[in-house]
């Protein structure tokens, strides 16, 4: 999880606007930029700029299906650890 989204978490601690919500919305809309921009109340160019910054920080291509899968899984894992739900064993 840290490897996949750690740079974004670090960014969001010190810089604005936070980028994790942008990535979450983008992935929730399966990469559909118009829908993502609408949900976030952004114009499309602002969204494109944020996505470019996310790609730069993560060193990844958001159009790559494997990258999208890895980021989706990392965000899901983050939600579970943030909620305090850990597998019991």
PDB file of N, CA and C in Angstrom:
ATOM      1  N   UNK A   1       0.825  -1.182   0.000  1.00  0.00           N
ATOM      2  CA  UNK A   1       0.000   0.000   0.000  1.00  0.00           C
ATOM      3  C   UNK A   1       0.875   1.253   0.000  1.00  0.00           C
ATOM      4  N   UNK A   2       1.874   1.309   0.866  1.00  0.00           N
ATOM      5  CA  UNK A   2       2.738   2.491   0.915  1.00  0.00           C
ATOM      6  C   UNK A   2       3.487   2.690  -0.388  1.00  0.00           C
ATOM      7  N   UNK A   3       3.920   1.596  -0.988  1.00  0.00           N
ATOM      8  CA  UNK A   3       4.643   1.702  -2.248  1.00  0.00           C
ATOM      9  C   UNK A   3       3.754   2.285  -3.347  1.00  0.00           C
ATOM     10  N   UNK A   4       2.497   1.874  -3.338  1.00  0.00           N
ATOM     11  CA  UNK A   4       1.585   2.293  -4.407  1.00  0.00           C
ATOM     12  C   UNK A   4       1.108   3.726  -4.239  1.00  0.00           C
ATOM     13  N   UNK A   5       0.692   4.105  -3.028  1.00  0.00           N
ATOM     14  CA  UNK A   5       0.100   5.431  -2.851  1.00  0.00           C
ATOM     15  C   UNK A   5       0.820   6.288  -1.818  1.00  0.00           C
ATOM     16  N   UNK A   6       1.906   5.798  -1.270  1.00  0.00           N
ATOM     17  CA  UNK A   6       2.661   6.553  -0.266  1.00  0.00           C
ATOM     18  C   UNK A   6       3.026   7.964  -0.698  1.00  0.00           C
ATOM     19  N   UNK A   7       3.544   8.141  -1.925  1.00  0.00           N
ATOM     20  CA  UNK A   7       3.886   9.501  -2.347  1.00  0.00           C
ATOM     21  C   UNK A   7       2.687  10.454  -2.357  1.00  0.00           C
ATOM     22  N   UNK A   8       1.503   9.937  -2.638  1.00  0.00           N
ATOM     23  CA  UNK A   8       0.310  10.792  -2.604  1.00  0.00           C
ATOM     24  C   UNK A   8      -0.068  11.155  -1.176  1.00  0.00           C
ATOM     25  N   UNK A   9       0.040  10.188  -0.277  1.00  0.00           N
ATOM     26  CA  UNK A   9      -0.244  10.477   1.135  1.00  0.00           C
ATOM     27  C   UNK A   9       0.732  11.522   1.652  1.00  0.00           C
ATOM     28  N   UNK A  10       2.002  11.401   1.292  1.00  0.00           N
ATOM     29  CA  UNK A  10       2.993  12.391   1.709  1.00  0.00           C
ATOM     30  C   UNK A  10       2.654  13.760   1.144  1.00  0.00           C
ATOM     31  N   UNK A  11       2.290  13.807  -0.114  1.00  0.00           N
ATOM     32  CA  UNK A  11       1.897  15.070  -0.752  1.00  0.00           C
ATOM     33  C   UNK A  11       0.729  15.708  -0.008  1.00  0.00           C
ATOM     34  N   UNK A  12      -0.287  14.909   0.273  1.00  0.00           N
ATOM     35  CA  UNK A  12      -1.511  15.445   0.866  1.00  0.00           C
ATOM     36  C   UNK A  12      -1.298  15.952   2.292  1.00  0.00           C
ATOM     37  N   UNK A  13      -0.271  15.468   2.966  1.00  0.00           N
ATOM     38  CA  UNK A  13       0.027  15.955   4.315  1.00  0.00           C
ATOM     39  C   UNK A  13       0.567  17.382   4.290  1.00  0.00           C
ATOM     40  N   UNK A  14       1.221  17.751   3.191  1.00  0.00           N
ATOM     41  CA  UNK A  14       1.921  19.036   3.169  1.00  0.00           C
ATOM     42  C   UNK A  14       1.457  19.993   2.080  1.00  0.00           C
ATOM     43  N   UNK A  15       0.690  19.540   1.119  1.00  0.00           N
ATOM     44  CA  UNK A  15       0.333  20.378  -0.025  1.00  0.00           C
ATOM     45  C   UNK A  15      -1.158  20.345  -0.282  1.00  0.00           C
ATOM     46  N   UNK A  16      -1.608  21.361  -0.973  1.00  0.00           N
ATOM     47  CA  UNK A  16      -2.991  21.458  -1.388  1.00  0.00           C
ATOM     48  C   UNK A  16      -3.027  21.692  -2.883  1.00  0.00           C
ATOM     49  N   UNK A  17      -4.024  21.238  -3.578  1.00  0.00           N
ATOM     50  CA  UNK A  17      -5.147  20.451  -3.091  1.00  0.00           C
ATOM     51  C   UNK A  17      -4.736  19.006  -2.844  1.00  0.00           C
ATOM     52  N   UNK A  18      -5.449  18.314  -1.961  1.00  0.00           N
ATOM     53  CA  UNK A  18      -5.153  16.897  -1.760  1.00  0.00           C
ATOM     54  C   UNK A  18      -5.460  16.112  -3.038  1.00  0.00           C
ATOM     55  N   UNK A  19      -4.606  15.148  -3.323  1.00  0.00           N
ATOM     56  CA  UNK A  19      -4.752  14.394  -4.574  1.00  0.00           C
ATOM     57  C   UNK A  19      -5.372  13.012  -4.403  1.00  0.00           C
ATOM     58  N   UNK A  20      -5.344  12.460  -3.201  1.00  0.00           N
ATOM     59  CA  UNK A  20      -5.952  11.139  -3.010  1.00  0.00           C
ATOM     60  C   UNK A  20      -7.443  11.129  -3.352  1.00  0.00           C
ATOM     61  N   UNK A  21      -8.212  12.139  -2.946  1.00  0.00           N
ATOM     62  CA  UNK A  21      -9.630  12.135  -3.338  1.00  0.00           C
ATOM     63  C   UNK A  21      -9.821  12.180  -4.859  1.00  0.00           C
ATOM     64  N   UNK A  22      -8.934  12.880  -5.546  1.00  0.00           N
ATOM     65  CA  UNK A  22      -9.011  12.922  -7.009  1.00  0.00           C
ATOM     66  C   UNK A  22      -8.773  11.538  -7.589  1.00  0.00           C
ATOM     67  N   UNK A  23      -7.746  10.854  -7.088  1.00  0.00           N
ATOM     68  CA  UNK A  23      -7.450   9.506  -7.574  1.00  0.00           C
ATOM     69  C   UNK A  23      -8.603   8.561  -7.257  1.00  0.00           C
ATOM     70  N   UNK A  24      -9.155   8.656  -6.062  1.00  0.00           N
ATOM     71  CA  UNK A  24     -10.268   7.782  -5.684  1.00  0.00           C
ATOM     72  C   UNK A  24     -11.465   7.980  -6.617  1.00  0.00           C
ATOM     73  N   UNK A  25     -11.800   9.217  -6.874  1.00  0.00           N
ATOM     74  CA  UNK A  25     -12.941   9.494  -7.759  1.00  0.00           C
ATOM     75  C   UNK A  25     -12.661   9.009  -9.173  1.00  0.00           C
ATOM     76  N   UNK A  26     -11.453   9.235  -9.656  1.00  0.00           N
ATOM     77  CA  UNK A  26     -11.067   8.812 -11.007  1.00  0.00           C
ATOM     78  C   UNK A  26     -11.193   7.294 -11.144  1.00  0.00           C
ATOM     79  N   UNK A  27     -10.714   6.567 -10.160  1.00  0.00           N
ATOM     80  CA  UNK A  27     -10.797   5.103 -10.219  1.00  0.00           C
ATOM     81  C   UNK A  27     -12.239   4.627 -10.038  1.00  0.00           C
ATOM     82  N   UNK A  28     -13.002   5.307  -9.196  1.00  0.00           N
ATOM     83  CA  UNK A  28     -14.407   4.927  -8.985  1.00  0.00           C
ATOM     84  C   UNK A  28     -15.217   5.099 -10.267  1.00  0.00           C
ATOM     85  N   UNK A  29     -14.808   6.032 -11.110  1.00  0.00           N
ATOM     86  CA  UNK A  29     -15.497   6.266 -12.383  1.00  0.00           C
ATOM     87  C   UNK A  29     -14.794   5.564 -13.537  1.00  0.00           C
ATOM     88  N   UNK A  30     -13.963   4.590 -13.211  1.00  0.00           N
ATOM     89  CA  UNK A  30     -13.284   3.760 -14.215  1.00  0.00           C
ATOM     90  C   UNK A  30     -12.539   4.594 -15.261  1.00  0.00           C
ATOM     91  N   UNK A  31     -11.914   5.672 -14.790  1.00  0.00           N
ATOM     92  CA  UNK A  31     -11.107   6.483 -15.687  1.00  0.00           C
ATOM     93  C   UNK A  31     -11.893   7.428 -16.579  1.00  0.00           C
ATOM     94  N   UNK A  32     -13.176   7.556 -16.348  1.00  0.00           N
ATOM     95  CA  UNK A  32     -13.987   8.477 -17.149  1.00  0.00           C
ATOM     96  C   UNK A  32     -13.808   9.890 -16.597  1.00  0.00           C
ATOM     97  N   UNK A  33     -13.078  10.695 -17.354  1.00  0.00           N
ATOM     98  CA  UNK A  33     -12.667  12.004 -16.862  1.00  0.00           C
ATOM     99  C   UNK A  33     -13.832  12.979 -16.715  1.00  0.00           C
ATOM    100  N   UNK A  34     -14.751  12.973 -17.638  1.00  0.00           N
ATOM    101  CA  UNK A  34     -15.882  13.906 -17.547  1.00  0.00           C
ATOM    102  C   UNK A  34     -16.692  13.648 -16.280  1.00  0.00           C
ATOM    103  N   UNK A  35     -16.975  12.388 -15.984  1.00  0.00           N
ATOM    104  CA  UNK A  35     -17.733  12.042 -14.782  1.00  0.00           C
ATOM    105  C   UNK A  35     -16.959  12.388 -13.524  1.00  0.00           C
ATOM    106  N   UNK A  36     -15.650  12.118 -13.559  1.00  0.00           N
ATOM    107  CA  UNK A  36     -14.806  12.428 -12.403  1.00  0.00           C
ATOM    108  C   UNK A  36     -14.804  13.935 -12.145  1.00  0.00           C
ATOM    109  N   UNK A  37     -14.636  14.720 -13.188  1.00  0.00           N
ATOM    110  CA  UNK A  37     -14.616  16.176 -13.041  1.00  0.00           C
ATOM    111  C   UNK A  37     -15.945  16.678 -12.479  1.00  0.00           C
ATOM    112  N   UNK A  38     -17.043  16.124 -12.961  1.00  0.00           N
ATOM    113  CA  UNK A  38     -18.363  16.530 -12.454  1.00  0.00           C
ATOM    114  C   UNK A  38     -18.492  16.230 -10.961  1.00  0.00           C
ATOM    115  N   UNK A  39     -18.095  15.016 -10.582  1.00  0.00           N
ATOM    116  CA  UNK A  39     -18.218  14.636  -9.167  1.00  0.00           C
ATOM    117  C   UNK A  39     -17.394  15.553  -8.270  1.00  0.00           C
ATOM    118  N   UNK A  40     -16.203  15.918  -8.738  1.00  0.00           N
ATOM    119  CA  UNK A  40     -15.307  16.740  -7.928  1.00  0.00           C
ATOM    120  C   UNK A  40     -15.564  18.237  -8.096  1.00  0.00           C
ATOM    121  N   UNK A  41     -16.514  18.586  -8.949  1.00  0.00           N
ATOM    122  CA  UNK A  41     -16.829  19.996  -9.225  1.00  0.00           C
ATOM    123  C   UNK A  41     -15.603  20.743  -9.742  1.00  0.00           C
ATOM    124  N   UNK A  42     -14.934  20.122 -10.708  1.00  0.00           N
ATOM    125  CA  UNK A  42     -13.743  20.703 -11.332  1.00  0.00           C
ATOM    126  C   UNK A  42     -13.983  20.870 -12.820  1.00  0.00           C
ATOM    127  N   UNK A  43     -13.285  21.829 -13.426  1.00  0.00           N
ATOM    128  CA  UNK A  43     -13.308  21.834 -14.881  1.00  0.00           C
ATOM    129  C   UNK A  43     -12.332  20.758 -15.342  1.00  0.00           C
ATOM    130  N   UNK A  44     -12.489  20.312 -16.565  1.00  0.00           N
ATOM    131  CA  UNK A  44     -11.710  19.162 -17.039  1.00  0.00           C
ATOM    132  C   UNK A  44     -10.218  19.450 -17.068  1.00  0.00           C
ATOM    133  N   UNK A  45      -9.822  20.679 -17.421  1.00  0.00           N
ATOM    134  CA  UNK A  45      -8.389  20.985 -17.458  1.00  0.00           C
ATOM    135  C   UNK A  45      -7.757  20.877 -16.068  1.00  0.00           C
ATOM    136  N   UNK A  46      -8.486  21.307 -15.046  1.00  0.00           N
ATOM    137  CA  UNK A  46      -7.987  21.176 -13.672  1.00  0.00           C
ATOM    138  C   UNK A  46      -7.825  19.705 -13.322  1.00  0.00           C
ATOM    139  N   UNK A  47      -8.803  18.891 -13.708  1.00  0.00           N
ATOM    140  CA  UNK A  47      -8.692  17.454 -13.468  1.00  0.00           C
ATOM    141  C   UNK A  47      -7.479  16.883 -14.194  1.00  0.00           C
ATOM    142  N   UNK A  48      -7.300  17.245 -15.459  1.00  0.00           N
ATOM    143  CA  UNK A  48      -6.139  16.744 -16.216  1.00  0.00           C
ATOM    144  C   UNK A  48      -4.840  17.128 -15.529  1.00  0.00           C
ATOM    145  N   UNK A  49      -4.772  18.340 -15.021  1.00  0.00           N
ATOM    146  CA  UNK A  49      -3.559  18.781 -14.318  1.00  0.00           C
ATOM    147  C   UNK A  49      -3.319  17.954 -13.061  1.00  0.00           C
ATOM    148  N   UNK A  50      -4.380  17.688 -12.330  1.00  0.00           N
ATOM    149  CA  UNK A  50      -4.237  16.873 -11.114  1.00  0.00           C
ATOM    150  C   UNK A  50      -3.824  15.447 -11.458  1.00  0.00           C
ATOM    151  N   UNK A  51      -4.425  14.876 -12.491  1.00  0.00           N
ATOM    152  CA  UNK A  51      -4.054  13.508 -12.879  1.00  0.00           C
ATOM    153  C   UNK A  51      -2.604  13.449 -13.337  1.00  0.00           C
ATOM    154  N   UNK A  52      -2.156  14.469 -14.040  1.00  0.00           N
ATOM    155  CA  UNK A  52      -0.751  14.510 -14.460  1.00  0.00           C
ATOM    156  C   UNK A  52       0.167  14.583 -13.241  1.00  0.00           C
ATOM    157  N   UNK A  53      -0.226  15.361 -12.246  1.00  0.00           N
ATOM    158  CA  UNK A  53       0.578  15.466 -11.023  1.00  0.00           C
ATOM    159  C   UNK A  53       0.592  14.139 -10.275  1.00  0.00           C
ATOM    160  N   UNK A  54      -0.538  13.467 -10.214  1.00  0.00           N
ATOM    161  CA  UNK A  54      -0.606  12.144  -9.570  1.00  0.00           C
ATOM    162  C   UNK A  54       0.325  11.176 -10.287  1.00  0.00           C
ATOM    163  N   UNK A  55       0.265  11.136 -11.606  1.00  0.00           N
ATOM    164  CA  UNK A  55       1.148  10.246 -12.381  1.00  0.00           C
ATOM    165  C   UNK A  55       2.607  10.561 -12.113  1.00  0.00           C
ATOM    166  N   UNK A  56       2.921  11.841 -12.044  1.00  0.00           N
ATOM    167  CA  UNK A  56       4.298  12.261 -11.792  1.00  0.00           C
ATOM    168  C   UNK A  56       4.764  11.835 -10.402  1.00  0.00           C
ATOM    169  N   UNK A  57       3.938  12.075  -9.397  1.00  0.00           N
ATOM    170  CA  UNK A  57       4.309  11.709  -8.026  1.00  0.00           C
ATOM    171  C   UNK A  57       4.481  10.206  -7.861  1.00  0.00           C
ATOM    172  N   UNK A  58       3.603   9.447  -8.506  1.00  0.00           N
ATOM    173  CA  UNK A  58       3.649   7.987  -8.362  1.00  0.00           C
ATOM    174  C   UNK A  58       4.601   7.327  -9.353  1.00  0.00           C
ATOM    175  N   UNK A  59       5.001   8.070 -10.372  1.00  0.00           N
ATOM    176  CA  UNK A  59       5.863   7.482 -11.400  1.00  0.00           C
ATOM    177  C   UNK A  59       5.144   6.389 -12.173  1.00  0.00           C
ATOM    178  N   UNK A  60       3.847   6.600 -12.414  1.00  0.00           N
ATOM    179  CA  UNK A  60       3.037   5.584 -13.082  1.00  0.00           C
ATOM    180  C   UNK A  60       2.220   6.197 -14.206  1.00  0.00           C
ATOM    181  N   UNK A  61       1.649   5.314 -15.000  1.00  0.00           N
ATOM    182  CA  UNK A  61       0.765   5.703 -16.091  1.00  0.00           C
ATOM    183  C   UNK A  61      -0.654   5.311 -15.705  1.00  0.00           C
ATOM    184  N   UNK A  62      -1.514   6.290 -15.503  1.00  0.00           N
ATOM    185  CA  UNK A  62      -2.883   5.999 -15.080  1.00  0.00           C
ATOM    186  C   UNK A  62      -3.725   5.369 -16.176  1.00  0.00           C
ATOM    187  N   UNK A  63      -3.180   5.231 -17.371  1.00  0.00           N
ATOM    188  CA  UNK A  63      -3.887   4.546 -18.450  1.00  0.00           C
ATOM    189  C   UNK A  63      -3.516   3.064 -18.526  1.00  0.00           C
ATOM    190  N   UNK A  64      -2.566   2.643 -17.694  1.00  0.00           N
ATOM    191  CA  UNK A  64      -2.128   1.250 -17.692  1.00  0.00           C
ATOM    192  C   UNK A  64      -3.045   0.422 -16.791  1.00  0.00           C
ATOM    193  N   UNK A  65      -3.685  -0.611 -17.335  1.00  0.00           N
ATOM    194  CA  UNK A  65      -4.632  -1.406 -16.532  1.00  0.00           C
ATOM    195  C   UNK A  65      -4.021  -2.016 -15.270  1.00  0.00           C
ATOM    196  N   UNK A  66      -2.781  -2.469 -15.334  1.00  0.00           N
ATOM    197  CA  UNK A  66      -2.151  -3.053 -14.146  1.00  0.00           C
ATOM    198  C   UNK A  66      -1.919  -1.999 -13.074  1.00  0.00           C
ATOM    199  N   UNK A  67      -1.557  -0.803 -13.497  1.00  0.00           N
ATOM    200  CA  UNK A  67      -1.378   0.302 -12.557  1.00  0.00           C
ATOM    201  C   UNK A  67      -2.702   0.637 -11.890  1.00  0.00           C
ATOM    202  N   UNK A  68      -3.750   0.717 -12.685  1.00  0.00           N
ATOM    203  CA  UNK A  68      -5.078   1.028 -12.157  1.00  0.00           C
ATOM    204  C   UNK A  68      -5.503  -0.029 -11.144  1.00  0.00           C
ATOM    205  N   UNK A  69      -5.267  -1.282 -11.441  1.00  0.00           N
ATOM    206  CA  UNK A  69      -5.609  -2.362 -10.514  1.00  0.00           C
ATOM    207  C   UNK A  69      -4.814  -2.228  -9.215  1.00  0.00           C
ATOM    208  N   UNK A  70      -3.520  -2.015  -9.317  1.00  0.00           N
ATOM    209  CA  UNK A  70      -2.675  -1.889  -8.120  1.00  0.00           C
ATOM    210  C   UNK A  70      -3.114  -0.709  -7.260  1.00  0.00           C
ATOM    211  N   UNK A  71      -3.424   0.415  -7.896  1.00  0.00           N
ATOM    212  CA  UNK A  71      -3.858   1.592  -7.145  1.00  0.00           C
ATOM    213  C   UNK A  71      -5.224   1.358  -6.502  1.00  0.00           C
ATOM    214  N   UNK A  72      -6.120   0.708  -7.218  1.00  0.00           N
ATOM    215  CA  UNK A  72      -7.441   0.397  -6.655  1.00  0.00           C
ATOM    216  C   UNK A  72      -7.312  -0.491  -5.426  1.00  0.00           C
ATOM    217  N   UNK A  73      -6.467  -1.495  -5.512  1.00  0.00           N
ATOM    218  CA  UNK A  73      -6.261  -2.392  -4.370  1.00  0.00           C
ATOM    219  C   UNK A  73      -5.621  -1.662  -3.203  1.00  0.00           C
ATOM    220  N   UNK A  74      -4.664  -0.792  -3.484  1.00  0.00           N
ATOM    221  CA  UNK A  74      -4.010  -0.025  -2.415  1.00  0.00           C
ATOM    222  C   UNK A  74      -5.012   0.898  -1.721  1.00  0.00           C
ATOM    223  N   UNK A  75      -5.896   1.516  -2.485  1.00  0.00           N
ATOM    224  CA  UNK A  75      -6.895   2.390  -1.876  1.00  0.00           C
ATOM    225  C   UNK A  75      -7.891   1.599  -1.042  1.00  0.00           C
ATOM    226  N   UNK A  76      -8.247   0.419  -1.505  1.00  0.00           N
ATOM    227  CA  UNK A  76      -9.140  -0.433  -0.708  1.00  0.00           C
ATOM    228  C   UNK A  76      -8.460  -0.860   0.586  1.00  0.00           C
ATOM    229  N   UNK A  77      -7.222  -1.251   0.496  1.00  0.00           N
ATOM    230  CA  UNK A  77      -6.477  -1.647   1.693  1.00  0.00           C
ATOM    231  C   UNK A  77      -6.374  -0.474   2.659  1.00  0.00           C
ATOM    232  N   UNK A  78      -6.150   0.708   2.121  1.00  0.00           N
ATOM    233  CA  UNK A  78      -6.057   1.914   2.956  1.00  0.00           C
ATOM    234  C   UNK A  78      -7.359   2.157   3.701  1.00  0.00           C
ATOM    235  N   UNK A  79      -8.478   1.999   3.011  1.00  0.00           N
ATOM    236  CA  UNK A  79      -9.784   2.188   3.664  1.00  0.00           C
ATOM    237  C   UNK A  79      -9.956   1.212   4.820  1.00  0.00           C
ATOM    238  N   UNK A  80      -9.558  -0.036   4.602  1.00  0.00           N
ATOM    239  CA  UNK A  80      -9.738  -1.040   5.651  1.00  0.00           C
ATOM    240  C   UNK A  80      -8.821  -0.769   6.836  1.00  0.00           C
ATOM    241  N   UNK A  81      -7.590  -0.390   6.582  1.00  0.00           N
ATOM    242  CA  UNK A  81      -6.689  -0.112   7.701  1.00  0.00           C
ATOM    243  C   UNK A  81      -7.085   1.177   8.390  1.00  0.00           C
ATOM    244  N   UNK A  82      -7.603   2.152   7.665  1.00  0.00           N
ATOM    245  CA  UNK A  82      -8.049   3.408   8.267  1.00  0.00           C
ATOM    246  C   UNK A  82      -9.270   3.186   9.162  1.00  0.00           C
ATOM    247  N   UNK A  83     -10.078   2.202   8.832  1.00  0.00           N
ATOM    248  CA  UNK A  83     -11.276   1.903   9.629  1.00  0.00           C
ATOM    249  C   UNK A  83     -10.962   0.985  10.790  1.00  0.00           C
ATOM    250  N   UNK A  84      -9.730   0.529  10.864  1.00  0.00           N
ATOM    251  CA  UNK A  84      -9.349  -0.348  11.951  1.00  0.00           C
ATOM    252  C   UNK A  84      -9.768  -1.784  11.755  1.00  0.00           C
ATOM    253  N   UNK A  85     -10.195  -2.138  10.553  1.00  0.00           N
ATOM    254  CA  UNK A  85     -10.577  -3.511  10.302  1.00  0.00           C
ATOM    255  C   UNK A  85      -9.367  -4.275   9.799  1.00  0.00           C
ATOM    256  N   UNK A  86      -8.943  -5.199  10.592  1.00  0.00           N
ATOM    257  CA  UNK A  86      -7.834  -6.048  10.204  1.00  0.00           C
ATOM    258  C   UNK A  86      -8.298  -7.484  10.284  1.00  0.00           C
ATOM    259  N   UNK A  87      -7.762  -8.330   9.439  1.00  0.00           N
ATOM    260  CA  UNK A  87      -8.158  -9.744   9.486  1.00  0.00           C
ATOM    261  C   UNK A  87      -7.771 -10.352  10.830  1.00  0.00           C
ATOM    262  N   UNK A  88      -8.674 -11.112  11.393  1.00  0.00           N
ATOM    263  CA  UNK A  88      -8.336 -11.792  12.647  1.00  0.00           C
ATOM    264  C   UNK A  88      -7.818 -13.173  12.333  1.00  0.00           C
ATOM    265  N   UNK A  89      -6.905 -13.592  13.149  1.00  0.00           N
ATOM    266  CA  UNK A  89      -6.318 -14.875  12.831  1.00  0.00           C
ATOM    267  C   UNK A  89      -6.120 -15.751  13.985  1.00  0.00           C
TER     268      UNK A  89
END
